[in-house]
Amino acid sequence: MLSEKSLIRRFAVVALVLLSSACAVSAAESDPIITGPVPKPLAPCAWWYGIGDSPSSWEIRSAAKHYDVVVLNAWETAAMRKLHELNPKVKVLVYKDFSSTRNYYGAVEGDRDAKYLPTGVGYVAAERTQPEWFAISTLGQRIEWNGYPKHWQMTVWDPAYQKAWADAVVGEVLREGWDGVLADNDFSSLKYYSPSVIAGTADAAGSDRLLRDGLDGMLALTGDALEKSGKMLVPNVSESQLTPGRWSAHSRYAGAMEENFGLQGDDGTGELITFQGNQFKEQRAQAALGESWLLLITHTKSDKEERVGYASAALLASPHTCWTRAQPDYKNPYWSAYQDARLGEAVETANRLPSGVWNRRYSGGWVAVNPTKTSVLLTPPPGLVTLRGEPVPAQFDLPSADAVVLVNGPRR
């Protein structure tokens, strides 16, 4: 039985999705409608997706001071407990993969599954007792993910697999004392991992529909069980801009993660993918409600990507919007100079200008993001400086797929 608060929240999310989907233009430019107390729209907090390596003692101490959310591998129970000891407020989630089982060393030890798994179902257990849980291609072969050796696609649409996954993961969370689960690979399409067509489907599109429907079921089963136990479910939702309503539906428990936030398209137009489709509207609606986590990652190889990622996250200010820059291996905790900007609290909603640029004023500064493919002339509010304290001209050009973060200058 869901609580009254949960039912109200889900009704509000559904209403916001319907509103945002009704008219693409007006929804993109209008503010989400919320009732009740308005949550404080704070500048993005920091979080750590710490699945690349075992955290050192100093990293744990630093994480307890700097991060609101930390995600760790299942075998890092000692690190999880130390984080809770150092900072009871930090949310420590266990990494679990929705969609695969794995048989690389560490996930399998000898002829048995490891005690702590990166997945919900062990490879050896499935091989011995439920081999039908391995997804099969139309060629009659199991589907191993390209680029990820010994990761095997599972039948996420099978109710028996869903229940086994949920029972194992929820039981482990409660037994070990995690705050909840970061469920990876809540994806929309198999094509990023394999060109295979799943047996029983006619084509790649049919395979993708089967997977999406299955992941919808896994999310509901696991999310209900975790929520009933007072725990969190945060899925890593991929390509949600392709399916209107999917971000809202899959963030309805404790929130959702976007692993490619502020991403620039590679189609030659220069536009930012994050602002395409319905996803950004749904993320704005979630942030406006202020009840669940938006965990955002920007993979950065340049100052520009870091700037774009943070400024875009600042457009989604809420008590639970957290952002981090990262490299794909996730081996190190990252900190950005923008996280020291002290923007404070947003004093207005994010505004979309006729040019397509988004901006937002904070008590301690101002951000602007240009997701379009052309440079735009901007007039910033007066009295602002760069993070280095340098003066800002009365007008400046903001290049395509770029952003700016400015802070209040010294009072005269």
Protein backbone atom coordinates (compact mmCIF):
# COMPACT_ATOMS: atom_id res chain seq x y z
CA MET A 1 0.00 0.00 0.00
CA LEU A 2 1.50 3.36 -1.05
CA SER A 3 1.46 6.28 1.34
CA GLU A 4 -0.80 9.27 0.76
CA LYS A 5 2.30 11.36 0.09
CA SER A 6 3.51 8.91 -2.57
CA LEU A 7 0.14 8.90 -4.29
CA ILE A 8 -0.01 12.69 -4.30
CA ARG A 9 3.52 12.91 -5.65
CA ARG A 10 2.83 10.47 -8.46
CA PHE A 11 -0.39 12.26 -9.38
CA ALA A 12 1.55 15.52 -9.55
CA VAL A 13 4.27 13.97 -11.71
CA VAL A 14 1.73 12.48 -14.12
CA ALA A 15 -0.05 15.83 -14.36
CA LEU A 16 3.22 17.59 -15.10
CA VAL A 17 4.13 15.06 -17.78
CA LEU A 18 0.76 15.49 -19.47
CA LEU A 19 1.13 19.23 -19.29
CA SER A 20 4.66 19.21 -20.70
CA SER A 21 3.75 16.81 -23.49
CA ALA A 22 0.64 18.69 -24.57
CA CYS A 23 2.42 21.46 -26.41
CA ALA A 24 6.15 21.31 -27.08
CA VAL A 25 6.64 25.05 -27.57
CA SER A 26 4.55 26.38 -24.71
CA ALA A 27 5.74 23.70 -22.29
CA ALA A 28 9.37 24.52 -23.02
CA GLU A 29 8.84 28.18 -22.17
CA SER A 30 6.33 27.99 -19.32
CA ASP A 31 7.05 27.21 -15.70
CA PRO A 32 5.97 23.94 -14.07
CA ILE A 33 2.84 24.30 -11.96
CA ILE A 34 3.18 23.13 -8.36
CA THR A 35 0.97 23.44 -5.32
CA GLY A 36 1.85 23.57 -1.65
CA PRO A 37 5.12 24.87 -0.14
CA VAL A 38 7.70 25.83 -2.76
CA PRO A 39 11.05 24.06 -2.19
CA LYS A 40 14.18 26.19 -2.05
CA PRO A 41 15.82 26.19 -5.51
CA LEU A 42 19.43 25.87 -4.39
CA ALA A 43 22.53 25.80 -6.57
CA PRO A 44 23.56 22.27 -7.58
CA CYS A 45 24.99 20.13 -4.82
CA ALA A 46 27.85 17.69 -5.46
CA TRP A 47 27.83 13.92 -5.65
CA TRP A 48 30.24 11.08 -6.39
CA TYR A 49 29.66 8.13 -8.71
CA GLY A 50 32.44 6.15 -7.09
CA ILE A 51 32.29 2.82 -8.95
CA GLY A 52 35.65 2.91 -10.71
CA ASP A 53 37.90 1.88 -7.84
CA SER A 54 37.90 1.23 -4.10
CA PRO A 55 37.85 4.54 -2.22
CA SER A 56 40.87 5.38 -0.08
CA SER A 57 40.58 6.62 3.50
CA TRP A 58 41.19 10.23 2.49
CA GLU A 59 38.60 9.97 -0.29
CA ILE A 60 36.01 8.73 2.18
CA ARG A 61 36.78 11.59 4.58
CA SER A 62 36.60 14.10 1.74
CA ALA A 63 33.36 12.60 0.42
CA ALA A 64 31.73 12.89 3.83
CA LYS A 65 32.48 16.63 3.81
CA HIS A 66 31.66 17.50 0.21
CA TYR A 67 29.02 15.19 -1.24
CA ASP A 68 25.30 14.81 -0.66
CA VAL A 69 25.12 11.46 -2.50
CA VAL A 70 27.76 8.75 -3.01
CA VAL A 71 27.36 5.60 -5.13
CA LEU A 72 29.63 2.66 -4.33
CA ASN A 73 30.07 -0.92 -5.47
CA ALA A 74 28.30 -3.59 -3.45
CA TRP A 75 31.49 -4.89 -1.83
CA GLU A 76 32.36 -1.46 -0.38
CA THR A 77 30.26 -2.03 2.74
CA ALA A 78 33.03 -0.81 5.07
CA ALA A 79 33.31 2.46 3.12
CA MET A 80 29.54 2.87 3.21
CA ARG A 81 29.45 2.46 6.99
CA LYS A 82 32.36 4.85 7.47
CA LEU A 83 30.57 7.49 5.38
CA HIS A 84 27.45 7.08 7.49
CA GLU A 85 29.56 7.41 10.63
CA LEU A 86 31.30 10.58 9.42
CA ASN A 87 28.16 12.18 7.99
CA PRO A 88 24.76 10.59 8.72
CA LYS A 89 23.14 12.93 6.21
CA VAL A 90 24.99 11.63 3.15
CA LYS A 91 22.99 9.18 1.02
CA VAL A 92 25.08 6.14 0.11
CA LEU A 93 23.63 4.04 -2.71
CA VAL A 94 24.76 0.62 -3.90
CA TYR A 95 25.47 0.11 -7.60
CA LYS A 96 23.41 -2.63 -9.25
CA ASP A 97 22.87 -3.27 -12.95
CA PHE A 98 19.28 -3.83 -14.06
CA SER A 99 20.06 -5.37 -17.43
CA SER A 100 23.11 -7.64 -17.31
CA THR A 101 24.78 -10.42 -15.43
CA ARG A 102 28.56 -10.68 -15.50
CA ASN A 103 31.20 -13.37 -15.31
CA TYR A 104 34.45 -11.42 -15.19
CA TYR A 105 36.80 -12.04 -12.27
CA GLY A 106 35.35 -10.43 -9.17
CA ALA A 107 31.76 -11.08 -10.16
CA VAL A 108 32.62 -14.79 -10.41
CA GLU A 109 35.23 -16.40 -8.18
CA GLY A 110 36.21 -19.87 -9.30
CA ASP A 111 33.05 -21.86 -9.88
CA ARG A 112 30.69 -19.64 -7.88
CA ASP A 113 29.27 -16.14 -7.81
CA ALA A 114 30.98 -13.60 -5.58
CA LYS A 115 29.35 -12.71 -2.27
CA TYR A 116 28.72 -9.14 -3.42
CA LEU A 117 27.63 -8.63 -7.01
CA PRO A 118 27.46 -5.64 -9.38
CA THR A 119 24.17 -7.12 -10.58
CA GLY A 120 21.02 -8.53 -9.02
CA VAL A 121 21.35 -12.03 -10.47
CA GLY A 122 24.64 -13.93 -10.47
CA TYR A 123 26.01 -15.47 -13.65
CA VAL A 124 26.71 -18.88 -12.13
CA ALA A 125 23.31 -19.10 -10.45
CA ALA A 126 21.54 -18.20 -13.69
CA GLU A 127 23.68 -20.60 -15.71
CA ARG A 128 22.94 -23.51 -13.40
CA THR A 129 19.30 -22.96 -12.51
CA GLN A 130 17.72 -20.42 -14.88
CA PRO A 131 19.58 -20.42 -18.23
CA GLU A 132 16.42 -19.09 -19.90
CA TRP A 133 17.13 -15.74 -18.20
CA PHE A 134 19.96 -15.09 -20.68
CA ALA A 135 18.59 -13.13 -23.63
CA ILE A 136 19.00 -14.95 -26.95
CA SER A 137 19.44 -13.33 -30.35
CA THR A 138 17.64 -14.40 -33.52
CA LEU A 139 20.87 -16.26 -34.33
CA GLY A 140 20.36 -18.41 -31.26
CA GLN A 141 23.27 -16.91 -29.31
CA ARG A 142 23.53 -15.20 -25.96
CA ILE A 143 24.05 -11.45 -26.27
CA GLU A 144 27.38 -10.20 -24.95
CA TRP A 145 27.73 -6.43 -24.82
CA ASN A 146 30.16 -4.84 -27.28
CA GLY A 147 32.91 -2.99 -25.43
CA TYR A 148 32.02 -4.68 -22.15
CA PRO A 149 33.39 -8.24 -22.21
CA LYS A 150 31.57 -10.79 -20.05
CA HIS A 151 28.49 -8.58 -19.63
CA TRP A 152 25.45 -10.58 -20.76
CA GLN A 153 22.03 -9.19 -21.61
CA MET A 154 19.27 -10.69 -19.47
CA THR A 155 15.53 -11.15 -20.04
CA VAL A 156 14.41 -8.07 -18.15
CA TRP A 157 10.86 -8.66 -19.43
CA ASP A 158 10.58 -12.05 -17.67
CA PRO A 159 8.53 -11.68 -14.43
CA ALA A 160 10.59 -14.42 -12.79
CA TYR A 161 13.85 -12.56 -13.54
CA GLN A 162 12.32 -9.30 -12.32
CA LYS A 163 11.27 -10.87 -9.01
CA ALA A 164 14.60 -12.61 -8.47
CA TRP A 165 16.46 -9.35 -9.14
CA ALA A 166 14.22 -7.30 -6.85
CA ASP A 167 14.22 -9.86 -4.02
CA ALA A 168 18.01 -10.18 -4.05
CA VAL A 169 18.76 -6.46 -4.27
CA VAL A 170 16.17 -5.27 -1.76
CA GLY A 171 17.27 -7.99 0.67
CA GLU A 172 20.91 -6.93 0.34
CA VAL A 173 20.09 -3.24 0.85
CA LEU A 174 18.19 -3.98 4.05
CA ARG A 175 20.74 -6.47 5.33
CA GLU A 176 23.81 -4.29 4.75
CA GLY A 177 22.33 -0.88 5.56
CA TRP A 178 22.55 0.93 2.23
CA ASP A 179 20.31 3.97 1.74
CA GLY A 180 19.13 2.59 -1.57
CA VAL A 181 20.08 1.51 -5.08
CA LEU A 182 21.57 3.16 -8.14
CA ALA A 183 20.17 0.91 -10.87
CA ASP A 184 22.35 1.14 -13.97
CA ASN A 185 21.36 0.48 -17.58
CA ASP A 186 17.73 1.51 -17.47
CA PHE A 187 18.19 2.05 -21.20
CA SER A 188 15.97 2.70 -24.20
CA SER A 189 17.87 0.82 -26.88
CA LEU A 190 20.17 -2.19 -27.13
CA LYS A 191 22.02 -0.70 -30.10
CA TYR A 192 24.65 0.99 -27.93
CA TYR A 193 25.69 -2.44 -26.64
CA SER A 194 24.82 -4.83 -29.45
CA PRO A 195 23.32 -4.90 -32.97
CA SER A 196 21.54 -8.16 -32.08
CA VAL A 197 17.81 -8.62 -32.52
CA ILE A 198 16.25 -10.49 -29.60
CA ALA A 199 14.64 -13.81 -30.47
CA GLY A 200 10.89 -13.48 -30.77
CA THR A 201 11.00 -9.89 -32.02
CA ALA A 202 10.88 -8.84 -35.65
CA ASP A 203 13.56 -6.16 -35.64
CA ALA A 204 15.72 -3.87 -33.51
CA ALA A 205 12.78 -1.57 -32.78
CA GLY A 206 10.78 -4.54 -31.50
CA SER A 207 13.70 -5.62 -29.33
CA ASP A 208 13.94 -2.14 -27.86
CA ARG A 209 10.22 -2.05 -27.07
CA LEU A 210 10.51 -5.41 -25.32
CA LEU A 211 13.43 -4.15 -23.24
CA ARG A 212 11.76 -0.84 -22.34
CA ASP A 213 8.56 -2.58 -21.29
CA GLY A 214 10.57 -5.03 -19.21
CA LEU A 215 12.54 -2.27 -17.52
CA ASP A 216 9.28 -0.47 -16.75
CA GLY A 217 8.19 -3.59 -14.88
CA MET A 218 11.51 -4.01 -13.07
CA LEU A 219 11.44 -0.38 -11.98
CA ALA A 220 7.91 -0.67 -10.57
CA LEU A 221 8.55 -3.93 -8.73
CA THR A 222 11.85 -2.85 -7.20
CA GLY A 223 10.80 0.74 -6.57
CA ASP A 224 7.65 -0.25 -4.70
CA ALA A 225 9.58 -2.68 -2.51
CA LEU A 226 12.35 -0.21 -1.71
CA GLU A 227 9.95 2.65 -1.06
CA LYS A 228 7.89 0.46 1.29
CA SER A 229 11.10 -0.23 3.20
CA GLY A 230 12.06 3.45 3.38
CA LYS A 231 14.87 3.04 0.83
CA MET A 232 15.73 4.81 -2.42
CA LEU A 233 15.67 3.69 -6.05
CA VAL A 234 17.51 5.92 -8.52
CA PRO A 235 17.78 4.44 -12.05
CA ASN A 236 20.34 5.56 -14.61
CA VAL A 237 17.84 6.49 -17.32
CA SER A 238 19.34 6.55 -20.81
CA GLU A 239 18.12 8.36 -23.93
CA SER A 240 14.93 9.50 -22.23
CA GLN A 241 14.73 12.45 -24.66
CA LEU A 242 13.58 9.87 -27.25
CA THR A 243 10.43 8.85 -25.35
CA PRO A 244 8.20 11.62 -23.90
CA GLY A 245 7.21 10.87 -20.32
CA ARG A 246 9.92 8.28 -19.69
CA TRP A 247 12.11 10.49 -17.50
CA SER A 248 9.17 11.45 -15.30
CA ALA A 249 7.93 7.87 -15.06
CA HIS A 250 11.35 6.48 -14.18
CA SER A 251 12.24 9.22 -11.66
CA ARG A 252 9.00 8.76 -9.69
CA TYR A 253 10.57 6.99 -6.72
CA ALA A 254 13.67 8.71 -5.31
CA GLY A 255 14.76 10.36 -8.56
CA ALA A 256 16.91 9.48 -11.57
CA MET A 257 20.41 9.77 -12.93
CA GLU A 258 21.48 11.29 -16.26
CA GLU A 259 24.95 10.08 -17.21
CA ASN A 260 25.37 12.28 -20.30
CA PHE A 261 24.10 15.63 -19.10
CA GLY A 262 25.01 18.72 -21.10
CA LEU A 263 26.09 16.51 -23.99
CA GLN A 264 26.78 18.15 -27.35
CA GLY A 265 25.45 16.35 -30.41
CA ASP A 266 27.82 14.79 -32.90
CA ASP A 267 25.51 15.41 -35.86
CA GLY A 268 27.36 18.55 -36.92
CA THR A 269 24.73 21.04 -35.76
CA GLY A 270 26.51 21.93 -32.53
CA GLU A 271 23.33 21.85 -30.47
CA LEU A 272 23.12 20.41 -26.96
CA ILE A 273 21.22 17.09 -26.86
CA THR A 274 20.14 17.70 -23.25
CA PHE A 275 17.74 20.41 -24.39
CA GLN A 276 16.18 18.39 -27.19
CA GLY A 277 12.98 16.37 -26.99
CA ASN A 278 10.89 16.34 -23.83
CA GLN A 279 13.54 15.38 -21.28
CA PHE A 280 14.57 18.87 -20.13
CA LYS A 281 10.94 19.90 -19.60
CA GLU A 282 10.37 16.80 -17.48
CA GLN A 283 13.55 17.45 -15.49
CA ARG A 284 12.39 21.03 -14.84
CA ALA A 285 9.09 19.67 -13.55
CA GLN A 286 10.89 17.24 -11.25
CA ALA A 287 13.17 19.98 -9.94
CA ALA A 288 10.19 22.26 -9.30
CA LEU A 289 8.57 19.61 -7.10
CA GLY A 290 11.83 19.43 -5.17
CA GLU A 291 11.18 16.01 -3.64
CA SER A 292 13.50 13.66 -5.54
CA TRP A 293 17.10 13.54 -6.70
CA LEU A 294 18.44 14.60 -10.08
CA LEU A 295 21.92 13.07 -10.25
CA LEU A 296 23.67 14.62 -13.23
CA ILE A 297 27.05 13.74 -14.79
CA THR A 298 28.92 15.69 -17.45
CA HIS A 299 31.90 13.91 -18.98
CA THR A 300 34.44 16.69 -19.33
CA LYS A 301 37.54 16.93 -21.46
CA SER A 302 37.58 20.74 -21.59
CA ASP A 303 36.71 23.83 -19.56
CA LYS A 304 33.81 24.45 -21.93
CA GLU A 305 32.18 21.08 -21.20
CA GLU A 306 32.58 21.63 -17.48
CA ARG A 307 31.06 25.11 -17.75
CA VAL A 308 28.12 23.86 -19.83
CA GLY A 309 27.42 20.97 -17.48
CA TYR A 310 27.36 23.04 -14.31
CA ALA A 311 25.37 25.94 -15.80
CA SER A 312 22.79 23.54 -17.28
CA ALA A 313 22.42 21.88 -13.89
CA ALA A 314 21.93 25.31 -12.32
CA LEU A 315 18.89 25.77 -14.56
CA LEU A 316 17.39 22.80 -12.66
CA ALA A 317 18.03 24.16 -9.18
CA SER A 318 16.29 22.30 -6.36
CA PRO A 319 17.15 20.93 -2.90
CA HIS A 320 18.16 17.64 -4.57
CA THR A 321 19.79 18.58 -7.88
CA CYS A 322 23.38 17.29 -7.74
CA TRP A 323 25.98 17.57 -10.48
CA THR A 324 29.50 16.30 -11.04
CA ARG A 325 32.05 16.35 -13.79
CA ALA A 326 33.73 13.03 -14.48
CA GLN A 327 35.87 10.88 -16.71
CA PRO A 328 34.35 7.63 -18.02
CA ASP A 329 36.40 5.35 -15.72
CA TYR A 330 34.92 6.92 -12.55
CA LYS A 331 38.11 6.15 -10.63
CA ASN A 332 38.47 9.50 -8.91
CA PRO A 333 36.17 11.81 -6.95
CA TYR A 334 35.93 15.06 -8.88
CA TRP A 335 35.45 18.60 -7.71
CA SER A 336 34.80 21.58 -9.93
CA ALA A 337 35.66 25.22 -9.32
CA TYR A 338 32.05 25.97 -10.24
CA GLN A 339 30.92 24.04 -7.16
CA ASP A 340 32.75 26.69 -5.12
CA ALA A 341 30.96 29.53 -6.93
CA ARG A 342 28.48 30.01 -4.07
CA LEU A 343 25.59 30.93 -6.30
CA GLY A 344 23.24 30.48 -3.35
CA GLU A 345 19.51 30.29 -4.02
CA ALA A 346 17.81 30.90 -7.36
CA VAL A 347 15.66 34.03 -7.18
CA GLU A 348 13.73 33.28 -10.37
CA THR A 349 12.80 30.32 -12.52
CA ALA A 350 14.93 29.43 -15.52
CA ASN A 351 14.04 31.67 -18.46
CA ARG A 352 14.13 30.75 -22.11
CA LEU A 353 14.81 33.79 -24.30
CA PRO A 354 13.49 34.17 -27.87
CA SER A 355 17.03 33.41 -29.08
CA GLY A 356 16.84 29.96 -27.49
CA VAL A 357 19.29 30.83 -24.69
CA TRP A 358 18.34 29.83 -21.13
CA ASN A 359 19.35 31.92 -18.11
CA ARG A 360 18.67 32.12 -14.39
CA ARG A 361 19.46 34.65 -11.67
CA TYR A 362 20.73 33.51 -8.28
CA SER A 363 21.19 35.39 -5.03
CA GLY A 364 24.94 35.07 -5.61
CA GLY A 365 25.22 35.23 -9.38
CA TRP A 366 23.80 34.36 -12.81
CA VAL A 367 24.08 31.52 -15.34
CA ALA A 368 23.26 31.31 -19.03
CA VAL A 369 23.35 28.37 -21.47
CA ASN A 370 23.20 28.59 -25.25
CA PRO A 371 22.03 25.16 -26.50
CA THR A 372 21.57 26.40 -30.09
CA LYS A 373 23.88 26.15 -33.11
CA THR A 374 24.49 29.90 -33.42
CA SER A 375 26.25 32.50 -31.30
CA VAL A 376 23.94 34.84 -29.33
CA LEU A 377 24.53 38.38 -28.03
CA LEU A 378 23.72 38.59 -24.30
CA THR A 379 23.26 41.45 -21.84
CA PRO A 380 24.04 40.14 -18.34
CA PRO A 381 22.67 41.75 -15.17
CA PRO A 382 24.92 44.54 -13.84
CA GLY A 383 27.42 44.06 -11.03
CA LEU A 384 28.67 40.59 -12.00
CA VAL A 385 32.21 39.27 -12.37
CA THR A 386 33.81 36.00 -13.49
CA LEU A 387 34.76 33.35 -10.97
CA ARG A 388 38.26 34.85 -11.07
CA GLY A 389 36.90 38.29 -10.17
CA GLU A 390 37.38 39.73 -13.65
CA PRO A 391 34.93 42.41 -14.85
CA VAL A 392 32.22 41.48 -17.34
CA PRO A 393 31.38 43.65 -20.39
CA ALA A 394 27.91 45.13 -20.73
CA GLN A 395 27.30 42.78 -23.68
CA PHE A 396 29.11 39.72 -24.99
CA ASP A 397 28.64 36.90 -27.49
CA LEU A 398 27.85 33.48 -26.03
CA PRO A 399 29.02 30.89 -28.58
CA SER A 400 26.98 27.92 -29.72
CA ALA A 401 26.70 25.04 -27.20
CA ASP A 402 28.45 27.12 -24.54
CA ALA A 403 27.58 28.62 -21.17
CA VAL A 404 28.64 31.25 -18.70
CA VAL A 405 28.66 31.31 -14.89
CA LEU A 406 29.03 34.73 -13.27
CA VAL A 407 29.00 35.77 -9.61
CA ASN A 408 28.21 38.95 -7.72
CA GLY A 409 31.07 41.43 -7.69
CA PRO A 410 32.34 43.21 -4.57
CA ARG A 411 30.02 45.80 -3.13
CA ARG A 412 31.10 49.38 -3.60
